Amino acid sequence: MTNHLHREGEAAWDIAPAVLKILEQEVTPGAVTLETGAGRSTLVFAKAGARHHCVTPSQDEVARIVAQAQREGVSLETVRFHLGFSQDVLPGLKTPPLDLALIDGGHGFPIPALDWQFIAPRLKVGGVLIIDDVDLWTGAMIVDFLRGERAWREEAILRGRSAVFRLIAPFTHHEWTKQPTVVAKSRWTQTKRKAINAFGMVLAGRIGEIGGRLAHERRLAEAAKKDY
């Protein structure tokens, strides 16, 4: 039986068995993989023979994973542990292009989004991205965003908790005007702002300026569409 690997052996925050099964199916010997967070998933990466990068701030977690690997006869020779918080480690971490990445580190805002920001450009076309705990808003917001992006294909939402996406086109950063989810979610707040401003101009007796203001807004919108 697996010992608890988290919080000095008092907690088992292990990822769902369905995700471990995906890892077993997707990860092949020599695959380049990365995870934020650590636990039972780390042992699965090791068993598969992945060239694995594990980012965790907990030395105790690492020690318990090493001990559990020894008990199970799992070699950690191809696993590299990077001690530190992901927002500090990932910007300077050098890896080959990734075949699979798992985001399961800190869940407070904005950590999952930062993990995605630093991981997504490293993923190969055809590579898999798994985001755990998407029942939390900080994970759900990434799922909402990726569903609108043509470069990403949603493969599964496992038990309402873990999202699996595949990168199907080269990753590219875009300005918000070319991000469908951001455009859609901004439509109401932009409309509300414009209405409040127009109402304020009416109250101030500046009705004649409203047309010019709207034209200015349209010019800004058109200019924004030309951004990257």
C-alpha atoms as a PDB file:
ATOM      1  CA  MET A   1       0.000   0.000   0.000  1.00  0.00           C
ATOM      2  CA  THR A   2       1.295   3.477  -0.949  1.00  0.00           C
ATOM      3  CA  ASN A   3       2.292   5.674   1.967  1.00  0.00           C
ATOM      4  CA  HIS A   4       1.020   9.241   2.112  1.00  0.00           C
ATOM      5  CA  LEU A   5       3.385  11.483   0.180  1.00  0.00           C
ATOM      6  CA  HIS A   6       2.283  14.959   1.245  1.00  0.00           C
ATOM      7  CA  ARG A   7       2.369  17.197   4.315  1.00  0.00           C
ATOM      8  CA  GLU A   8       4.959  15.129   6.185  1.00  0.00           C
ATOM      9  CA  GLY A   9       3.074  11.916   5.467  1.00  0.00           C
ATOM     10  CA  GLU A  10      -0.244  13.124   6.885  1.00  0.00           C
ATOM     11  CA  ALA A  11      -2.026  13.773   3.566  1.00  0.00           C
ATOM     12  CA  ALA A  12      -2.559  11.998   0.246  1.00  0.00           C
ATOM     13  CA  TRP A  13      -3.321  14.695  -2.315  1.00  0.00           C
ATOM     14  CA  ASP A  14      -2.792  12.254  -5.135  1.00  0.00           C
ATOM     15  CA  ILE A  15      -4.161  12.895  -8.581  1.00  0.00           C
ATOM     16  CA  ALA A  16      -7.181  10.864  -9.712  1.00  0.00           C
ATOM     17  CA  PRO A  17      -6.605   7.301 -10.964  1.00  0.00           C
ATOM     18  CA  ALA A  18      -8.104   8.289 -14.324  1.00  0.00           C
ATOM     19  CA  VAL A  19      -5.302  10.830 -14.803  1.00  0.00           C
ATOM     20  CA  LEU A  20      -2.665   8.285 -13.820  1.00  0.00           C
ATOM     21  CA  LYS A  21      -4.121   6.001 -16.491  1.00  0.00           C
ATOM     22  CA  ILE A  22      -3.785   8.784 -19.091  1.00  0.00           C
ATOM     23  CA  LEU A  23      -0.156   9.223 -18.069  1.00  0.00           C
ATOM     24  CA  GLU A  24       0.472   5.497 -18.427  1.00  0.00           C
ATOM     25  CA  GLN A  25      -1.053   5.584 -21.915  1.00  0.00           C
ATOM     26  CA  GLU A  26       0.613   8.743 -23.177  1.00  0.00           C
ATOM     27  CA  VAL A  27       4.090   8.677 -21.655  1.00  0.00           C
ATOM     28  CA  THR A  28       6.648   6.494 -23.424  1.00  0.00           C
ATOM     29  CA  PRO A  29      10.315   5.816 -22.595  1.00  0.00           C
ATOM     30  CA  GLY A  30      12.414   8.875 -23.344  1.00  0.00           C
ATOM     31  CA  ALA A  31       9.451  11.260 -23.543  1.00  0.00           C
ATOM     32  CA  VAL A  32      10.169  14.713 -22.138  1.00  0.00           C
ATOM     33  CA  THR A  33       7.656  15.574 -19.427  1.00  0.00           C
ATOM     34  CA  LEU A  34       7.125  18.184 -16.735  1.00  0.00           C
ATOM     35  CA  GLU A  35       4.826  18.563 -13.766  1.00  0.00           C
ATOM     36  CA  THR A  36       4.233  21.295 -11.234  1.00  0.00           C
ATOM     37  CA  GLY A  37       3.504  19.586  -7.969  1.00  0.00           C
ATOM     38  CA  ALA A  38       4.635  16.094  -7.027  1.00  0.00           C
ATOM     39  CA  GLY A  39       3.175  12.826  -5.824  1.00  0.00           C
ATOM     40  CA  ARG A  40       1.993   9.516  -7.193  1.00  0.00           C
ATOM     41  CA  SER A  41       2.121  11.014 -10.687  1.00  0.00           C
ATOM     42  CA  THR A  42       5.883  11.470 -10.300  1.00  0.00           C
ATOM     43  CA  LEU A  43       6.275   7.736  -9.789  1.00  0.00           C
ATOM     44  CA  VAL A  44       4.188   7.020 -12.899  1.00  0.00           C
ATOM     45  CA  PHE A  45       6.415   9.303 -14.984  1.00  0.00           C
ATOM     46  CA  ALA A  46       9.443   7.510 -13.582  1.00  0.00           C
ATOM     47  CA  LYS A  47       8.022   4.048 -14.262  1.00  0.00           C
ATOM     48  CA  ALA A  48       7.374   5.045 -17.866  1.00  0.00           C
ATOM     49  CA  GLY A  49      11.015   6.032 -18.313  1.00  0.00           C
ATOM     50  CA  ALA A  50      10.247   9.666 -19.086  1.00  0.00           C
ATOM     51  CA  ARG A  51      12.903  12.350 -18.949  1.00  0.00           C
ATOM     52  CA  HIS A  52      10.880  14.041 -16.286  1.00  0.00           C
ATOM     53  CA  HIS A  53      11.090  17.444 -14.606  1.00  0.00           C
ATOM     54  CA  CYS A  54       9.242  17.782 -11.309  1.00  0.00           C
ATOM     55  CA  VAL A  55       8.818  21.240  -9.771  1.00  0.00           C
ATOM     56  CA  THR A  56       7.905  21.319  -6.078  1.00  0.00           C
ATOM     57  CA  PRO A  57       8.793  23.585  -3.146  1.00  0.00           C
ATOM     58  CA  SER A  58       8.710  20.692  -0.668  1.00  0.00           C
ATOM     59  CA  GLN A  59      11.927  18.845   0.165  1.00  0.00           C
ATOM     60  CA  ASP A  60       9.849  16.552   2.372  1.00  0.00           C
ATOM     61  CA  GLU A  61       7.663  15.554  -0.610  1.00  0.00           C
ATOM     62  CA  VAL A  62      10.740  14.719  -2.610  1.00  0.00           C
ATOM     63  CA  ALA A  63      12.163  12.608   0.210  1.00  0.00           C
ATOM     64  CA  ARG A  64       8.900  10.670   0.561  1.00  0.00           C
ATOM     65  CA  ILE A  65       8.652  10.086  -3.186  1.00  0.00           C
ATOM     66  CA  VAL A  66      12.238   8.821  -3.245  1.00  0.00           C
ATOM     67  CA  ALA A  67      11.507   6.484  -0.324  1.00  0.00           C
ATOM     68  CA  GLN A  68       8.322   5.205  -1.976  1.00  0.00           C
ATOM     69  CA  ALA A  69      10.175   4.621  -5.245  1.00  0.00           C
ATOM     70  CA  GLN A  70      12.739   2.533  -3.385  1.00  0.00           C
ATOM     71  CA  ARG A  71       9.979   0.469  -1.779  1.00  0.00           C
ATOM     72  CA  GLU A  72       8.386  -0.165  -5.170  1.00  0.00           C
ATOM     73  CA  GLY A  73      11.652  -0.720  -7.006  1.00  0.00           C
ATOM     74  CA  VAL A  74      11.089   2.294  -9.263  1.00  0.00           C
ATOM     75  CA  SER A  75      14.181   3.998 -10.679  1.00  0.00           C
ATOM     76  CA  LEU A  76      14.263   7.781 -10.447  1.00  0.00           C
ATOM     77  CA  GLU A  77      17.352   8.003 -12.627  1.00  0.00           C
ATOM     78  CA  THR A  78      15.530   9.950 -15.349  1.00  0.00           C
ATOM     79  CA  VAL A  79      13.679  12.258 -12.938  1.00  0.00           C
ATOM     80  CA  ARG A  80      14.981  15.696 -12.022  1.00  0.00           C
ATOM     81  CA  PHE A  81      13.511  17.472  -9.016  1.00  0.00           C
ATOM     82  CA  HIS A  82      13.546  21.278  -9.065  1.00  0.00           C
ATOM     83  CA  LEU A  83      12.991  22.627  -5.574  1.00  0.00           C
ATOM     84  CA  GLY A  84      11.069  25.871  -5.417  1.00  0.00           C
ATOM     85  CA  PHE A  85       7.730  27.439  -6.238  1.00  0.00           C
ATOM     86  CA  SER A  86       6.801  27.068  -9.890  1.00  0.00           C
ATOM     87  CA  GLN A  87       6.503  30.818 -10.463  1.00  0.00           C
ATOM     88  CA  ASP A  88      10.152  31.126  -9.419  1.00  0.00           C
ATOM     89  CA  VAL A  89      11.526  27.971 -11.076  1.00  0.00           C
ATOM     90  CA  LEU A  90       9.787  27.814 -14.458  1.00  0.00           C
ATOM     91  CA  PRO A  91      11.029  31.103 -15.975  1.00  0.00           C
ATOM     92  CA  GLY A  92      14.652  29.932 -15.784  1.00  0.00           C
ATOM     93  CA  LEU A  93      14.118  26.197 -16.275  1.00  0.00           C
ATOM     94  CA  LYS A  94      15.760  24.797 -19.411  1.00  0.00           C
ATOM     95  CA  THR A  95      14.028  21.788 -20.971  1.00  0.00           C
ATOM     96  CA  PRO A  96      13.767  20.246 -24.426  1.00  0.00           C
ATOM     97  CA  PRO A  97      10.326  20.558 -26.057  1.00  0.00           C
ATOM     98  CA  LEU A  98       7.758  18.745 -23.947  1.00  0.00           C
ATOM     99  CA  ASP A  99       5.675  15.731 -24.937  1.00  0.00           C
ATOM    100  CA  LEU A 100       3.385  16.077 -21.918  1.00  0.00           C
ATOM    101  CA  ALA A 101       2.930  18.493 -19.042  1.00  0.00           C
ATOM    102  CA  LEU A 102       0.856  18.308 -15.886  1.00  0.00           C
ATOM    103  CA  ILE A 103      -0.212  21.466 -14.033  1.00  0.00           C
ATOM    104  CA  ASP A 104      -0.912  20.438 -10.441  1.00  0.00           C
ATOM    105  CA  GLY A 105       1.112  22.739  -8.232  1.00  0.00           C
ATOM    106  CA  GLY A 106      -0.236  25.775  -6.410  1.00  0.00           C
ATOM    107  CA  HIS A 107      -3.913  26.471  -7.037  1.00  0.00           C
ATOM    108  CA  GLY A 108      -4.207  30.037  -5.714  1.00  0.00           C
ATOM    109  CA  PHE A 109      -4.554  32.854  -8.219  1.00  0.00           C
ATOM    110  CA  PRO A 110      -2.604  33.379 -10.464  1.00  0.00           C
ATOM    111  CA  ILE A 111      -0.349  30.313 -10.099  1.00  0.00           C
ATOM    112  CA  PRO A 112      -2.089  27.845 -12.482  1.00  0.00           C
ATOM    113  CA  ALA A 113      -2.240  30.565 -15.156  1.00  0.00           C
ATOM    114  CA  LEU A 114       1.436  31.360 -14.648  1.00  0.00           C
ATOM    115  CA  ASP A 115       2.288  27.666 -14.898  1.00  0.00           C
ATOM    116  CA  TRP A 116       0.380  27.537 -18.189  1.00  0.00           C
ATOM    117  CA  GLN A 117       2.112  30.687 -19.417  1.00  0.00           C
ATOM    118  CA  PHE A 118       5.561  29.189 -18.918  1.00  0.00           C
ATOM    119  CA  ILE A 119       4.698  25.626 -19.960  1.00  0.00           C
ATOM    120  CA  ALA A 120       2.518  26.057 -23.064  1.00  0.00           C
ATOM    121  CA  PRO A 121       5.270  27.489 -25.322  1.00  0.00           C
ATOM    122  CA  ARG A 122       7.469  24.461 -24.480  1.00  0.00           C
ATOM    123  CA  LEU A 123       4.891  21.886 -25.574  1.00  0.00           C
ATOM    124  CA  LYS A 124       5.363  20.077 -28.876  1.00  0.00           C
ATOM    125  CA  VAL A 125       2.603  20.093 -31.449  1.00  0.00           C
ATOM    126  CA  GLY A 126       0.719  16.904 -30.636  1.00  0.00           C
ATOM    127  CA  GLY A 127       1.752  17.166 -26.990  1.00  0.00           C
ATOM    128  CA  VAL A 128      -0.649  16.764 -24.095  1.00  0.00           C
ATOM    129  CA  LEU A 129      -1.451  19.251 -21.360  1.00  0.00           C
ATOM    130  CA  ILE A 130      -3.271  18.088 -18.221  1.00  0.00           C
ATOM    131  CA  ILE A 131      -4.658  20.631 -15.764  1.00  0.00           C
ATOM    132  CA  ASP A 132      -5.760  19.237 -12.436  1.00  0.00           C
ATOM    133  CA  ASP A 133      -8.377  20.660 -10.060  1.00  0.00           C
ATOM    134  CA  VAL A 134     -10.323  22.514 -12.737  1.00  0.00           C
ATOM    135  CA  ASP A 135     -13.299  22.527 -10.393  1.00  0.00           C
ATOM    136  CA  LEU A 136     -11.480  25.502  -8.825  1.00  0.00           C
ATOM    137  CA  TRP A 137     -11.923  28.814 -10.633  1.00  0.00           C
ATOM    138  CA  THR A 138      -8.170  29.178 -11.134  1.00  0.00           C
ATOM    139  CA  GLY A 139      -8.193  25.988 -13.214  1.00  0.00           C
ATOM    140  CA  ALA A 140     -11.603  26.513 -14.802  1.00  0.00           C
ATOM    141  CA  MET A 141     -10.537  29.858 -16.277  1.00  0.00           C
ATOM    142  CA  ILE A 142      -7.759  28.108 -18.237  1.00  0.00           C
ATOM    143  CA  VAL A 143     -10.210  25.503 -19.520  1.00  0.00           C
ATOM    144  CA  ASP A 144     -12.619  28.246 -20.657  1.00  0.00           C
ATOM    145  CA  PHE A 145      -9.801  30.037 -22.442  1.00  0.00           C
ATOM    146  CA  LEU A 146      -8.387  26.964 -24.203  1.00  0.00           C
ATOM    147  CA  ARG A 147     -11.820  25.918 -25.466  1.00  0.00           C
ATOM    148  CA  GLY A 148     -11.842  29.056 -27.605  1.00  0.00           C
ATOM    149  CA  GLU A 149      -8.345  28.586 -29.015  1.00  0.00           C
ATOM    150  CA  ARG A 150      -7.921  26.823 -32.355  1.00  0.00           C
ATOM    151  CA  ALA A 151      -4.478  25.520 -31.438  1.00  0.00           C
ATOM    152  CA  TRP A 152      -5.891  23.417 -28.593  1.00  0.00           C
ATOM    153  CA  ARG A 153      -8.210  20.417 -28.693  1.00  0.00           C
ATOM    154  CA  GLU A 154     -10.099  19.329 -25.609  1.00  0.00           C
ATOM    155  CA  GLU A 155      -9.747  15.586 -25.140  1.00  0.00           C
ATOM    156  CA  ALA A 156     -11.438  14.958 -21.805  1.00  0.00           C
ATOM    157  CA  ILE A 157     -12.701  16.346 -18.524  1.00  0.00           C
ATOM    158  CA  LEU A 158     -12.139  13.551 -16.039  1.00  0.00           C
ATOM    159  CA  ARG A 159     -14.689  13.354 -13.230  1.00  0.00           C
ATOM    160  CA  GLY A 160     -15.179  17.111 -13.385  1.00  0.00           C
ATOM    161  CA  ARG A 161     -11.736  17.631 -11.909  1.00  0.00           C
ATOM    162  CA  SER A 162      -8.971  17.126 -14.476  1.00  0.00           C
ATOM    163  CA  ALA A 163      -8.836  18.585 -17.994  1.00  0.00           C
ATOM    164  CA  VAL A 164      -6.881  17.011 -20.840  1.00  0.00           C
ATOM    165  CA  PHE A 165      -5.963  19.135 -23.878  1.00  0.00           C
ATOM    166  CA  ARG A 166      -3.769  18.446 -26.886  1.00  0.00           C
ATOM    167  CA  LEU A 167      -1.805  21.108 -28.750  1.00  0.00           C
ATOM    168  CA  ILE A 168      -2.679  20.669 -32.440  1.00  0.00           C
ATOM    169  CA  ALA A 169      -0.934  23.718 -33.905  1.00  0.00           C
ATOM    170  CA  PRO A 170       2.171  25.712 -32.973  1.00  0.00           C
ATOM    171  CA  PHE A 171       1.671  27.767 -29.843  1.00  0.00           C
ATOM    172  CA  THR A 172       1.409  31.500 -30.448  1.00  0.00           C
ATOM    173  CA  HIS A 173       0.783  34.430 -28.124  1.00  0.00           C
ATOM    174  CA  HIS A 174      -1.982  36.773 -29.275  1.00  0.00           C
ATOM    175  CA  GLU A 175      -3.361  40.084 -28.115  1.00  0.00           C
ATOM    176  CA  TRP A 176      -6.792  39.869 -26.509  1.00  0.00           C
ATOM    177  CA  THR A 177      -8.611  40.865 -29.710  1.00  0.00           C
ATOM    178  CA  LYS A 178      -7.577  37.550 -31.261  1.00  0.00           C
ATOM    179  CA  GLN A 179      -8.543  35.489 -28.211  1.00  0.00           C
ATOM    180  CA  PRO A 180     -12.214  34.503 -28.657  1.00  0.00           C
ATOM    181  CA  THR A 181     -12.840  33.741 -24.995  1.00  0.00           C
ATOM    182  CA  VAL A 182     -11.446  37.074 -23.829  1.00  0.00           C
ATOM    183  CA  VAL A 183     -13.461  38.923 -26.470  1.00  0.00           C
ATOM    184  CA  ALA A 184     -16.674  37.136 -25.478  1.00  0.00           C
ATOM    185  CA  LYS A 185     -16.189  37.626 -21.742  1.00  0.00           C
ATOM    186  CA  SER A 186     -15.287  41.301 -22.218  1.00  0.00           C
ATOM    187  CA  ARG A 187     -18.288  42.204 -24.370  1.00  0.00           C
ATOM    188  CA  TRP A 188     -20.682  42.943 -21.501  1.00  0.00           C
ATOM    189  CA  THR A 189     -18.181  44.858 -19.362  1.00  0.00           C
ATOM    190  CA  GLN A 190     -17.116  46.964 -22.349  1.00  0.00           C
ATOM    191  CA  THR A 191     -20.731  47.699 -23.257  1.00  0.00           C
ATOM    192  CA  LYS A 192     -21.483  48.629 -19.657  1.00  0.00           C
ATOM    193  CA  ARG A 193     -18.501  50.993 -19.526  1.00  0.00           C
ATOM    194  CA  LYS A 194     -19.527  52.727 -22.755  1.00  0.00           C
ATOM    195  CA  ALA A 195     -23.123  53.107 -21.563  1.00  0.00           C
ATOM    196  CA  ILE A 196     -22.034  54.600 -18.226  1.00  0.00           C
ATOM    197  CA  ASN A 197     -19.716  57.039 -19.987  1.00  0.00           C
ATOM    198  CA  ALA A 198     -22.424  58.074 -22.467  1.00  0.00           C
ATOM    199  CA  PHE A 199     -24.932  58.554 -19.654  1.00  0.00           C
ATOM    200  CA  GLY A 200     -22.443  60.714 -17.798  1.00  0.00           C
ATOM    201  CA  MET A 201     -21.975  62.875 -20.902  1.00  0.00           C
ATOM    202  CA  VAL A 202     -25.754  63.272 -21.217  1.00  0.00           C
ATOM    203  CA  LEU A 203     -26.016  64.372 -17.584  1.00  0.00           C
ATOM    204  CA  ALA A 204     -23.196  66.832 -18.145  1.00  0.00           C
ATOM    205  CA  GLY A 205     -24.957  68.314 -21.177  1.00  0.00           C
ATOM    206  CA  ARG A 206     -22.274  67.037 -23.582  1.00  0.00           C
ATOM    207  CA  ILE A 207     -24.645  65.134 -25.877  1.00  0.00           C
ATOM    208  CA  GLY A 208     -22.897  66.412 -28.982  1.00  0.00           C
ATOM    209  CA  GLU A 209     -19.677  64.679 -27.964  1.00  0.00           C
ATOM    210  CA  ILE A 210     -21.196  61.195 -27.808  1.00  0.00           C
ATOM    211  CA  GLY A 211     -20.899  60.538 -31.544  1.00  0.00           C
ATOM    212  CA  GLY A 212     -17.242  61.535 -31.549  1.00  0.00           C
ATOM    213  CA  ARG A 213     -16.544  59.357 -28.529  1.00  0.00           C
ATOM    214  CA  LEU A 214     -18.165  56.329 -30.187  1.00  0.00           C
ATOM    215  CA  ALA A 215     -16.162  56.908 -33.357  1.00  0.00           C
ATOM    216  CA  HIS A 216     -12.990  57.080 -31.274  1.00  0.00           C
ATOM    217  CA  GLU A 217     -13.908  53.746 -29.623  1.00  0.00           C
ATOM    218  CA  ARG A 218     -14.391  52.171 -33.057  1.00  0.00           C
ATOM    219  CA  ARG A 219     -10.978  53.398 -34.237  1.00  0.00           C
ATOM    220  CA  LEU A 220      -9.326  51.945 -31.135  1.00  0.00           C
ATOM    221  CA  ALA A 221     -11.079  48.599 -31.693  1.00  0.00           C
ATOM    222  CA  GLU A 222      -9.954  48.442 -35.320  1.00  0.00           C
ATOM    223  CA  ALA A 223      -6.377  49.320 -34.361  1.00  0.00           C
ATOM    224  CA  ALA A 224      -6.365  46.625 -31.690  1.00  0.00           C
ATOM    225  CA  LYS A 225      -7.321  43.982 -34.268  1.00  0.00           C
ATOM    226  CA  LYS A 226      -4.011  44.613 -36.046  1.00  0.00           C
ATOM    227  CA  ASP A 227      -1.996  43.691 -32.941  1.00  0.00           C
ATOM    228  CA  TYR A 228      -0.208  40.342 -32.718  1.00  0.00           C
END
